[in-house]
Protein backbone atom coordinates (compact mmCIF):
# COMPACT_ATOMS: atom_id res chain seq x y z
CA MET A 1 90.11 118.51 97.79
CA LEU A 2 89.88 116.06 95.44
CA GLU A 3 86.76 116.34 92.65
CA PRO A 4 85.01 112.77 91.77
CA LYS A 5 85.42 112.48 87.93
CA SER A 6 82.85 111.00 86.26
CA GLN A 7 84.90 107.92 85.10
CA TYR A 8 88.71 106.93 85.51
CA THR A 9 89.75 104.13 83.48
CA TYR A 10 92.20 101.13 83.74
CA GLY A 11 94.13 102.61 81.43
CA ASN A 12 94.89 105.66 83.65
CA ILE A 13 96.72 103.32 85.94
CA PRO A 14 100.47 103.96 85.35
CA ASP A 15 101.83 100.66 83.93
CA ASN A 16 104.77 100.74 86.09
CA ILE A 17 102.14 100.07 89.08
CA ARG A 18 102.91 96.49 89.63
CA THR A 19 99.97 95.56 91.32
CA LYS A 20 97.77 97.64 88.63
CA GLN A 21 96.31 94.17 87.23
CA PHE A 22 94.83 93.32 90.79
CA PHE A 23 92.67 96.18 91.12
CA PRO A 24 89.50 95.22 89.11
CA LEU A 25 89.72 91.66 91.98
CA ALA A 26 88.60 94.22 94.68
CA LYS A 27 85.42 95.83 93.90
CA ASN A 28 85.10 98.27 96.50
CA LEU A 29 88.43 99.65 95.43
CA TRP A 30 87.51 99.54 91.94
CA LYS A 31 84.34 101.86 92.60
CA SER A 32 86.30 104.17 94.38
CA TYR A 33 89.04 104.12 91.86
CA LYS A 34 86.71 104.87 89.28
CA LYS A 35 85.52 108.30 90.89
CA LEU A 36 88.79 109.27 92.53
CA GLY A 37 91.62 107.55 90.41
CA LEU A 38 95.05 107.33 91.98
CA ASP A 39 94.77 110.51 94.01
CA LEU A 40 92.80 108.61 96.64
CA ILE A 41 95.89 106.82 97.06
CA ASP A 42 98.35 109.99 96.60
CA LYS A 43 95.87 112.02 99.05
CA PHE A 44 95.57 109.19 101.49
CA LEU A 45 98.90 107.98 102.14
CA PRO A 46 100.93 111.53 103.49
CA GLU A 47 98.35 111.82 106.25
CA ILE A 48 99.41 108.36 107.47
CA SER A 49 102.32 108.70 110.17
CA THR A 50 102.97 106.18 112.97
CA ASP A 51 101.23 107.78 115.70
CA VAL A 52 97.87 108.40 113.55
CA LEU A 53 98.11 104.47 112.11
CA LYS A 54 98.61 103.39 116.16
CA ASP A 55 95.51 105.23 117.06
CA VAL A 56 93.36 103.25 114.05
CA MET A 57 94.79 100.18 115.64
CA LYS A 58 94.65 100.25 119.19
CA VAL A 59 91.32 100.97 119.17
CA ARG A 60 90.56 97.69 117.21
CA LEU A 61 93.17 95.50 118.63
CA ASN A 62 92.95 96.34 122.28
CA ASP A 63 88.75 95.72 122.06
CA SER A 64 89.59 92.44 120.58
CA ILE A 65 92.35 91.40 123.43
CA GLN A 66 90.10 92.75 126.42
CA CYS A 67 87.18 91.24 125.32
CA CYS A 68 88.80 87.90 124.40
CA LYS A 69 89.89 87.99 128.17
CA ASP A 70 86.61 88.66 129.42
CA VAL A 71 84.96 86.22 127.29
CA VAL A 72 87.83 83.15 128.96
CA SER A 73 87.06 84.59 132.49
CA GLY A 74 83.46 84.55 132.13
CA LYS A 75 83.06 87.95 133.03
CA ILE A 76 80.93 89.05 129.29
CA PRO A 77 77.49 86.74 129.48
CA ASP A 78 75.91 85.40 126.23
CA PRO A 79 79.56 85.42 124.09
CA LYS A 80 77.60 83.66 121.30
CA ASN A 81 75.65 87.26 120.59
CA ARG A 82 78.71 88.83 120.63
CA ILE A 83 81.16 89.68 117.87
CA VAL A 84 84.72 90.66 118.40
CA TRP A 85 87.75 91.26 115.91
CA SER A 86 89.69 88.29 115.13
CA ILE A 87 93.54 90.07 115.95
CA TYR A 88 94.96 88.53 112.55
CA PRO A 89 94.00 89.32 110.34
CA PRO A 90 91.96 92.30 111.83
CA VAL A 91 89.38 92.94 109.13
CA MET A 92 87.39 89.69 110.15
CA ALA A 93 84.81 89.46 112.39
CA LEU A 94 84.55 86.51 115.10
CA ARG A 95 81.59 85.68 117.08
CA SER A 96 83.44 85.71 120.63
CA ASP A 97 82.27 82.29 121.77
CA LEU A 98 84.24 80.96 118.40
CA SER A 99 87.19 83.33 118.91
CA GLN A 100 89.82 81.07 120.87
CA GLY A 101 88.92 78.02 119.36
CA THR A 102 89.11 79.18 115.85
CA MET A 103 92.54 80.96 116.53
CA LYS A 104 93.99 78.31 117.70
CA LEU A 105 92.89 76.11 114.89
CA LEU A 106 94.41 78.62 112.37
CA TYR A 107 97.37 79.38 114.22
CA GLY A 108 98.41 76.92 116.94
CA GLU A 109 98.78 76.65 120.56
CA SER A 110 101.60 80.04 120.52
CA ALA A 111 102.16 82.27 117.49
CA ASP A 112 103.41 85.34 116.40
CA ILE A 113 101.97 86.91 112.61
CA THR A 114 103.72 90.16 111.14
CA PHE A 115 102.03 92.01 108.54
CA PHE A 116 104.25 93.66 105.93
CA VAL A 117 102.32 96.22 104.38
CA ILE A 118 103.70 97.25 101.14
CA ASN A 119 103.04 101.02 99.49
CA ASP A 120 101.83 99.85 95.81
CA MET A 121 103.13 103.19 94.36
CA ASN A 122 106.87 102.84 95.43
CA LEU A 123 106.96 99.44 96.58
CA ASP A 124 108.42 100.53 100.04
CA LEU A 125 107.21 98.73 103.15
CA PHE A 126 104.70 100.84 104.61
CA PHE A 127 104.15 99.57 107.92
CA LEU A 128 104.47 96.50 110.15
CA LEU A 129 102.09 95.26 112.51
CA ASN A 130 103.02 92.35 114.55
CA ALA A 131 100.78 90.32 117.09
CA HIS A 132 101.11 87.62 119.69
CA LEU A 133 98.70 84.57 120.37
CA GLU A 134 98.83 82.08 123.18
CA ASN A 135 96.36 78.81 123.26
CA GLY A 136 94.31 81.06 120.58
CA ILE A 137 93.79 84.40 122.97
CA PRO A 138 95.12 87.79 121.40
CA ILE A 139 97.98 88.92 124.09
CA ASP A 140 99.87 91.38 122.45
CA TRP A 141 100.26 93.58 119.39
CA TRP A 142 102.87 96.32 118.19
CA LEU A 143 103.27 98.59 115.26
CA ILE A 144 106.30 100.11 113.17
CA GLY A 145 105.13 102.75 110.91
CA PRO A 146 106.35 104.65 108.03
CA ASP A 147 108.79 106.67 109.85
CA ASP A 148 110.38 104.27 112.20
CA GLU A 149 113.95 103.59 112.55
CA LEU A 150 113.23 100.30 112.32
CA LEU A 151 112.58 100.28 108.63
CA ASN A 152 116.22 100.98 107.88
CA ARG A 153 117.51 97.77 109.81
CA ARG A 154 119.94 95.72 106.85
CA HIS A 155 119.61 92.32 105.76
CA MET A 156 122.74 90.48 107.79
CA LYS A 157 124.00 88.53 104.93
CA LEU A 158 122.40 90.53 101.79
CA GLY A 159 122.86 93.94 102.95
CA PHE A 160 119.84 95.78 101.73
CA LYS A 161 117.47 97.38 104.27
CA LEU A 162 113.98 96.49 105.30
CA VAL A 163 112.09 98.71 104.08
CA ASP A 164 113.55 98.13 100.16
CA ILE A 165 113.05 94.26 100.63
CA PRO A 166 109.91 94.37 98.27
CA LYS A 167 112.08 96.05 95.38
CA LYS A 168 114.69 93.22 95.64
CA ALA A 169 112.34 90.31 95.76
CA LYS A 170 110.60 89.02 92.67
CA ASN A 171 107.70 87.84 94.80
CA LEU A 172 105.84 88.00 97.68
CA THR A 173 107.20 84.72 98.74
CA THR A 174 110.70 85.71 98.48
CA ALA A 175 110.14 89.07 100.44
CA GLY A 176 108.60 87.50 103.05
CA ASN A 177 111.56 84.84 103.42
CA TYR A 178 113.86 88.33 103.26
CA ALA A 179 111.80 89.66 106.11
CA ILE A 180 111.51 86.80 108.28
CA ASP A 181 115.48 86.82 108.20
CA ILE A 182 114.89 90.02 109.84
CA LEU A 183 111.87 90.15 111.74
CA LYS A 184 112.18 86.94 113.62
CA ASP A 185 114.93 88.79 115.34
CA VAL A 186 113.45 91.84 116.12
CA ARG A 187 110.60 89.70 117.50
CA ASN A 188 113.17 88.08 119.81
CA GLU A 189 114.62 91.10 120.98
CA ARG A 190 110.92 92.51 121.80
CA ALA A 191 109.85 89.58 123.50
CA PRO A 192 112.18 86.79 124.30
CA GLN A 193 109.96 84.73 126.34
CA TRP A 194 108.01 83.75 122.91
CA SER A 195 111.41 83.20 120.66
CA GLU A 196 110.22 79.35 120.43
CA SER A 197 106.93 80.65 118.88
CA SER A 198 106.08 79.58 115.41
CA TYR A 199 106.48 82.89 113.04
CA SER A 200 104.86 84.11 109.61
CA VAL A 201 104.81 87.39 107.99
CA SER A 202 101.73 87.98 106.04
CA MET A 203 102.80 89.71 102.83
CA ILE A 204 99.70 92.14 101.79
CA TYR A 205 99.99 95.02 99.21
CA LEU A 206 98.07 98.45 100.41
CA SER A 207 95.65 98.11 97.59
CA ALA A 208 94.38 94.92 98.92
CA ILE A 209 93.21 96.81 102.27
CA PRO A 210 90.62 99.28 101.49
CA SER A 211 88.26 96.98 100.12
CA PHE A 212 87.93 95.04 103.36
CA LEU A 213 87.73 98.17 105.54
CA ASN A 214 84.40 99.42 104.02
CA GLU A 215 82.74 96.11 102.98
CA PRO A 216 79.70 96.02 105.24
CA SER A 217 79.34 91.90 105.01
CA ILE A 218 81.30 89.01 106.59
CA TYR A 219 80.71 86.79 103.76
CA GLU A 220 82.04 89.14 101.46
CA ILE A 221 85.37 89.78 103.22
CA SER A 222 85.61 85.82 103.05
CA GLY A 223 85.29 86.14 99.09
CA MET A 224 88.05 88.81 99.37
CA LEU A 225 90.08 86.42 101.27
CA TYR A 226 90.01 83.89 98.91
CA ASP A 227 90.56 85.98 95.96
CA GLY A 228 93.99 87.91 97.44
CA MET A 229 95.24 84.28 98.10
CA ASN A 230 94.28 82.95 94.63
CA ALA A 231 95.08 85.89 92.68
CA LYS A 232 97.39 83.91 90.66
CA ARG A 233 96.23 80.41 90.63
CA VAL A 234 92.70 81.18 89.94
CA TYR A 235 92.69 85.08 88.16
CA GLY A 236 96.00 84.28 86.23
CA LEU A 237 97.66 87.40 88.25
CA PRO A 238 101.43 87.92 88.47
CA ASP A 239 101.55 87.04 92.09
CA TYR A 240 99.65 87.00 95.30
CA TRP A 241 97.91 89.99 96.43
CA PHE A 242 98.65 88.82 99.88
CA CYS A 243 99.85 85.61 101.41
CA TYR A 244 101.49 83.94 104.29
CA VAL A 245 105.10 83.27 104.27
CA PRO A 246 105.04 80.35 105.44
CA TRP A 247 101.49 79.43 104.88
CA PRO A 248 99.57 78.23 108.38
CA SER A 249 99.13 74.59 107.61
CA PHE A 250 94.97 75.12 107.89
CA PHE A 251 95.24 77.94 105.38
CA SER A 252 97.21 75.09 103.17
CA MET A 253 94.20 73.09 103.31
CA LEU A 254 91.72 75.74 102.46
CA PHE A 255 93.91 76.77 99.66
CA TYR A 256 92.73 74.81 96.67
CA LEU A 257 88.44 74.71 97.79
CA GLN A 258 86.30 76.30 95.20
CA ARG A 259 85.20 79.99 96.29
CA ASP A 260 82.06 79.28 97.73
CA ASN A 261 83.29 76.36 99.30
CA PHE A 262 86.42 78.14 101.21
CA MET A 263 83.69 81.08 102.31
CA MET A 264 81.39 78.77 103.96
CA LYS A 265 84.55 77.37 106.10
CA ILE A 266 85.81 80.89 106.92
CA THR A 267 81.99 82.16 107.84
CA GLY A 268 81.89 78.75 109.63
CA LEU A 269 84.69 78.98 111.69
CA SER A 270 83.88 82.94 112.15
CA SER A 271 80.30 82.73 113.11
CA GLN A 272 79.00 79.51 112.31
CA ASN A 273 77.77 80.88 108.98
CA GLN A 274 75.79 83.60 110.85
CA LEU A 275 75.74 86.94 108.38
CA VAL A 276 77.46 90.02 109.90
CA VAL A 277 77.49 93.12 109.29
CA ASN A 278 81.08 94.57 110.10
CA HIS A 279 81.72 97.34 112.40
CA ILE A 280 83.54 101.02 111.82
CA GLU A 281 84.66 102.65 114.93
CA ASP A 282 83.57 106.33 115.54
CA GLU A 283 87.44 107.11 115.88
CA ASN A 284 88.30 105.60 112.84
CA LEU A 285 85.46 107.28 110.86
CA ASP A 286 86.04 110.46 112.34
CA TYR A 287 89.34 110.63 111.05
CA VAL A 288 88.37 109.90 107.67
CA LYS A 289 85.48 112.55 107.53
CA GLU A 290 87.81 115.07 108.87
CA ASN A 291 90.79 114.72 106.94
CA LEU A 292 89.46 112.91 103.67
CA PRO A 293 85.86 113.77 103.26
CA GLU A 294 86.05 113.02 99.44
CA ILE A 295 87.03 109.50 100.54
CA TYR A 296 84.37 109.09 103.22
CA GLU A 297 81.58 109.89 100.92
CA VAL A 298 82.82 107.41 97.88
CA ALA A 299 84.43 104.44 100.06
CA PHE A 300 82.02 104.28 102.75
CA VAL A 301 78.62 106.76 102.17
CA ASP A 302 78.26 105.25 98.67
CA ILE A 303 79.11 101.72 99.22
CA TRP A 304 76.69 101.45 102.55
CA SER A 305 73.62 102.87 101.27
CA LYS A 306 73.41 99.91 98.59
CA GLY A 307 73.25 97.49 101.53
CA PHE A 308 74.61 94.19 101.44
CA PRO A 309 73.92 90.69 99.62
CA TRP A 310 72.13 87.95 101.34
CA PRO A 311 74.91 85.37 102.46
CA GLN A 312 73.04 82.81 99.25
CA GLN A 313 73.85 85.63 96.88
CA SER A 314 77.43 86.27 97.89
CA LEU A 315 78.13 82.81 97.65
CA GLN A 316 76.93 82.29 93.93
CA VAL A 317 78.63 85.56 92.56
CA GLN A 318 80.62 85.15 89.33
CA PRO A 319 83.72 87.34 89.77
CA PRO A 320 85.02 89.18 86.86
CA GLY A 321 86.76 86.56 84.20
CA LEU A 322 90.25 88.15 84.28
CA LYS A 323 92.17 84.58 83.76
CA LYS A 324 89.94 83.67 80.32
CA ASN A 325 90.13 86.07 77.71
CA ARG A 326 92.25 87.93 79.58
CA LYS A 327 93.38 90.66 77.01
CA LYS A 328 89.75 91.33 76.00
CA VAL A 329 88.56 91.69 79.67
CA TYR A 330 91.29 94.11 80.38
CA GLN A 331 90.84 96.24 76.98
CA ASN A 332 87.13 96.37 77.77
CA GLU A 333 87.23 96.56 81.16
CA LYS A 334 84.61 93.74 81.68
CA PHE A 335 85.27 94.20 85.67
CA ASN A 336 81.80 93.37 86.59
CA TRP A 337 80.60 90.94 89.31
CA CYS A 338 77.40 88.88 88.82
CA TYR A 339 75.25 88.54 91.59
CA PRO A 340 72.08 86.20 91.07
CA GLU A 341 68.84 88.58 90.81
CA GLY A 342 67.13 90.02 93.58
CA LYS A 343 67.23 92.48 96.15
CA TRP A 344 69.96 93.07 98.56
CA ILE A 345 69.61 94.04 102.55
CA THR A 346 69.57 98.00 102.63
CA PRO A 347 69.89 100.17 105.76
CA GLU A 348 65.69 100.96 104.69
CA ASP A 349 65.26 97.16 105.44
CA LEU A 350 66.86 97.54 108.68
CA GLU A 351 65.11 100.85 109.52
CA MET A 352 68.59 102.59 109.98
CA ASP A 353 70.85 104.80 108.65
CA ILE A 354 74.25 103.74 107.80
CA ASP A 355 75.92 105.09 111.22
CA GLU A 356 73.66 103.22 112.76
CA MET A 357 74.38 99.98 110.70
CA ARG A 358 78.04 100.49 111.20
CA ASP A 359 77.94 99.84 114.83
CA GLY A 360 77.74 96.10 113.50
CA MET A 361 74.91 93.43 113.54
CA LEU A 362 74.54 89.56 114.25
CA PHE A 363 72.06 87.89 112.07
CA ASP A 364 69.92 84.91 112.72
CA ILE A 365 70.66 84.47 109.15
CA ASP A 366 72.38 82.51 107.10
CA HIS A 367 73.57 80.21 103.65
CA ASN A 368 70.27 78.46 104.09
CA THR A 369 68.42 81.67 104.24
CA GLU A 370 66.67 82.18 101.42
CA PRO A 371 67.11 85.88 100.02
CA ASN A 372 64.15 87.90 100.83
CA SER A 373 62.33 84.96 102.53
CA LEU A 374 62.14 87.00 105.90
CA ASP A 375 62.39 90.28 107.22
CA PRO A 376 66.18 91.25 108.27
CA LYS A 377 65.27 93.84 110.54
CA GLU A 378 63.19 91.29 112.90
CA ASN A 379 66.22 88.75 112.65
CA ILE A 380 68.69 90.94 114.09
CA LEU A 381 70.15 88.65 116.72
CA SER A 382 72.44 91.68 118.23
CA VAL A 383 73.75 95.05 117.52
CA GLY A 384 77.02 96.75 118.83
CA TRP A 385 80.60 95.11 118.79
CA GLY A 386 82.68 93.84 121.67
CA ARG A 387 82.11 94.84 124.87
CA ASN A 388 79.52 97.87 123.51
CA ILE A 389 76.17 95.46 122.84
CA LYS A 390 73.37 97.94 122.36
CA LYS A 391 70.75 95.45 121.52
CA VAL A 392 70.13 92.04 121.46
CA LYS A 393 66.61 90.18 120.18
CA HIS A 394 66.00 87.62 123.08
CA LYS A 395 65.59 88.91 126.59
CA SER A 396 67.45 86.34 128.39
CA ALA A 397 70.23 87.66 126.25
CA GLN A 398 69.33 91.30 127.56
CA ILE A 399 73.47 92.94 128.50
CA GLN A 400 73.05 94.77 131.78
């Protein structure tokens, strides 16, 4: 069992880890790292097999597919009070009545995107997750895990294996282009009926993922998307933390917005700027509890117990100044996220424990709501996720 230490430092991260400079850009990852060090990754990775990944993903993605189908067919009442997962990225919440239009706007009529997840420790390809959309509706997905033979497939011209692409490329964009040369053929073999659909890969380092998985607020997640996409341009880091290759045209338009404006656009598309608290599935959290109890305590209990900012507080946060006075910031570990003064929304405010909170919630609270100007528990529109809504605020919207 991992024994939390009083403090791991930035200097404890080996210099040969390509993403070392990125760690402070994800506040939840950084908090967990300071208590558990890189052991949190070294212990976590050996636990993950193809079967485990499929079990984790199918809970989230299958529900997303079925719920979207039910909304389109009219089987689900009151879709504006239901939240579903975006099929990609599968960490973003969508109000179900907005899901089809938002996905179509972002990715077009017919699209495949493959998530190409890179192990920071050795730069191997860790796993692939492919999802397909038709007319904004998620249709299908497949996953290739770390023990799958497909990872040994070779590039036809360059000769190296799919699993080794990150080691052979100088940056994520080059790696993405190499990956497309192989993966487009894989897509066409698995689904020839979609061979003419648009195709992108989403290149992402594994270290970028944990903060998305254990963050309560949709506003905070939208900010994380901005930070990873703009790691090089805004924060002066060596590369993207994650990126699309090629970029879907709508993301290209968002790319150069200021952080708060980007967050407004993303949350506007996702929920019309309503505050959403994310959902963590029982099956997935139980797996972490049983197999990685110290990570459960540090990465979930500690973070969720502190609550989450009001939307205005999230929009006004000052990220760490990783680009300005770079050397001094890293030497002195000045990695603070400076939020406006004021109390956050806590489990106590909602009269819930953290297990109840993680069912997911939609609030009648948005960017215009002054922090602490109203009682958040009286402004919960729904509790639950997808097809499993447990409570709604208005009687006219009660789920039978």
